[in-house]
Amino acid sequence: MSDTVSVIGCGTMGNGIAHVFAQNGFQVNLIDLKEAYLQRALVTIEKNLNRQVSKGILARDEVKRTLERI
């Protein structure tokens, strides 16, 4: 089994899929047509991770590790 996944399209579903895979230890290749879409997806993922931290679901140090996997 591979520990790397590729997600094509980083809209609502794509960034959510990338988020879940990265949070569970997978390296994620997030692919889209424009760099701006990728940057917006990363901002959204970070915001969602921080929301998990504020709810006590996720440790603060895991945010950085998760984002580094994408």
C-alpha atoms as a PDB file:
ATOM      1  CA  MET A   1       0.000   0.000   0.000  1.00  0.00           C
ATOM      2  CA  SER A   2       1.316   3.426  -0.947  1.00  0.00           C
ATOM      3  CA  ASP A   3       1.673   6.200   1.594  1.00  0.00           C
ATOM      4  CA  THR A   4       1.222   8.882  -1.078  1.00  0.00           C
ATOM      5  CA  VAL A   5      -2.047   9.983  -2.666  1.00  0.00           C
ATOM      6  CA  SER A   6      -2.829  12.545  -5.349  1.00  0.00           C
ATOM      7  CA  VAL A   7      -5.955  14.670  -5.231  1.00  0.00           C
ATOM      8  CA  ILE A   8      -6.946  16.402  -8.458  1.00  0.00           C
ATOM      9  CA  GLY A   9      -8.987  19.518  -7.854  1.00  0.00           C
ATOM     10  CA  CYS A  10      -8.816  21.442  -4.619  1.00  0.00           C
ATOM     11  CA  GLY A  11     -12.326  22.787  -4.297  1.00  0.00           C
ATOM     12  CA  THR A  12     -14.492  21.942  -1.296  1.00  0.00           C
ATOM     13  CA  MET A  13     -14.280  18.176  -1.736  1.00  0.00           C
ATOM     14  CA  GLY A  14     -10.680  18.074  -2.902  1.00  0.00           C
ATOM     15  CA  ASN A  15      -9.278  20.087  -0.038  1.00  0.00           C
ATOM     16  CA  GLY A  16     -11.343  18.068   2.434  1.00  0.00           C
ATOM     17  CA  ILE A  17     -10.014  14.804   1.021  1.00  0.00           C
ATOM     18  CA  ALA A  18      -6.446  16.129   1.092  1.00  0.00           C
ATOM     19  CA  HIS A  19      -6.941  17.298   4.691  1.00  0.00           C
ATOM     20  CA  VAL A  20      -8.128  13.898   5.906  1.00  0.00           C
ATOM     21  CA  PHE A  21      -5.398  11.934   4.142  1.00  0.00           C
ATOM     22  CA  ALA A  22      -2.643  14.298   5.351  1.00  0.00           C
ATOM     23  CA  GLN A  23      -3.976  14.257   8.900  1.00  0.00           C
ATOM     24  CA  ASN A  24      -3.809  10.456   8.821  1.00  0.00           C
ATOM     25  CA  GLY A  25      -0.146  10.340   7.820  1.00  0.00           C
ATOM     26  CA  PHE A  26      -0.259  10.227   4.020  1.00  0.00           C
ATOM     27  CA  GLN A  27       1.855  12.413   1.740  1.00  0.00           C
ATOM     28  CA  VAL A  28      -0.608  14.303  -0.477  1.00  0.00           C
ATOM     29  CA  ASN A  29      -0.042  15.735  -3.943  1.00  0.00           C
ATOM     30  CA  LEU A  30      -2.728  18.378  -4.371  1.00  0.00           C
ATOM     31  CA  ILE A  31      -3.191  19.256  -8.040  1.00  0.00           C
ATOM     32  CA  ASP A  32      -5.208  22.014  -9.684  1.00  0.00           C
ATOM     33  CA  LEU A  33      -5.074  24.289 -12.717  1.00  0.00           C
ATOM     34  CA  LYS A  34      -3.961  27.478 -10.963  1.00  0.00           C
ATOM     35  CA  GLU A  35      -1.539  28.184  -8.136  1.00  0.00           C
ATOM     36  CA  ALA A  36      -4.131  30.533  -6.615  1.00  0.00           C
ATOM     37  CA  TYR A  37      -6.548  27.615  -6.182  1.00  0.00           C
ATOM     38  CA  LEU A  38      -3.862  25.608  -4.391  1.00  0.00           C
ATOM     39  CA  GLN A  39      -3.035  28.482  -2.058  1.00  0.00           C
ATOM     40  CA  ARG A  40      -6.704  29.033  -1.242  1.00  0.00           C
ATOM     41  CA  ALA A  41      -7.088  25.321  -0.472  1.00  0.00           C
ATOM     42  CA  LEU A  42      -4.101  25.380   1.894  1.00  0.00           C
ATOM     43  CA  VAL A  43      -5.555  28.383   3.729  1.00  0.00           C
ATOM     44  CA  THR A  44      -8.869  26.548   4.080  1.00  0.00           C
ATOM     45  CA  ILE A  45      -7.193  23.366   5.318  1.00  0.00           C
ATOM     46  CA  GLU A  46      -5.160  25.306   7.888  1.00  0.00           C
ATOM     47  CA  LYS A  47      -8.302  27.107   9.082  1.00  0.00           C
ATOM     48  CA  ASN A  48     -10.112  23.781   9.476  1.00  0.00           C
ATOM     49  CA  LEU A  49      -7.159  22.244  11.325  1.00  0.00           C
ATOM     50  CA  ASN A  50      -7.067  25.215  13.707  1.00  0.00           C
ATOM     51  CA  ARG A  51     -10.792  24.785  14.304  1.00  0.00           C
ATOM     52  CA  GLN A  52     -10.074  21.183  15.332  1.00  0.00           C
ATOM     53  CA  VAL A  53      -7.404  22.458  17.738  1.00  0.00           C
ATOM     54  CA  SER A  54      -9.822  24.953  19.304  1.00  0.00           C
ATOM     55  CA  LYS A  55     -12.332  22.134  19.857  1.00  0.00           C
ATOM     56  CA  GLY A  56      -9.680  19.957  21.510  1.00  0.00           C
ATOM     57  CA  ILE A  57      -9.834  17.358  18.723  1.00  0.00           C
ATOM     58  CA  LEU A  58      -6.286  17.917  17.461  1.00  0.00           C
ATOM     59  CA  ALA A  59      -2.993  18.881  19.119  1.00  0.00           C
ATOM     60  CA  ARG A  60      -1.502  22.224  18.020  1.00  0.00           C
ATOM     61  CA  ASP A  61       1.776  20.596  16.866  1.00  0.00           C
ATOM     62  CA  GLU A  62      -0.128  18.291  14.528  1.00  0.00           C
ATOM     63  CA  VAL A  63      -1.297  21.257  12.416  1.00  0.00           C
ATOM     64  CA  LYS A  64       2.219  21.937  11.132  1.00  0.00           C
ATOM     65  CA  ARG A  65       2.965  18.263  10.524  1.00  0.00           C
ATOM     66  CA  THR A  66      -0.285  17.817   8.617  1.00  0.00           C
ATOM     67  CA  LEU A  67       0.349  20.841   6.393  1.00  0.00           C
ATOM     68  CA  GLU A  68       3.904  19.638   5.680  1.00  0.00           C
ATOM     69  CA  ARG A  69       2.456  16.416   4.227  1.00  0.00           C
ATOM     70  CA  ILE A  70       0.591  18.346   1.522  1.00  0.00           C
END
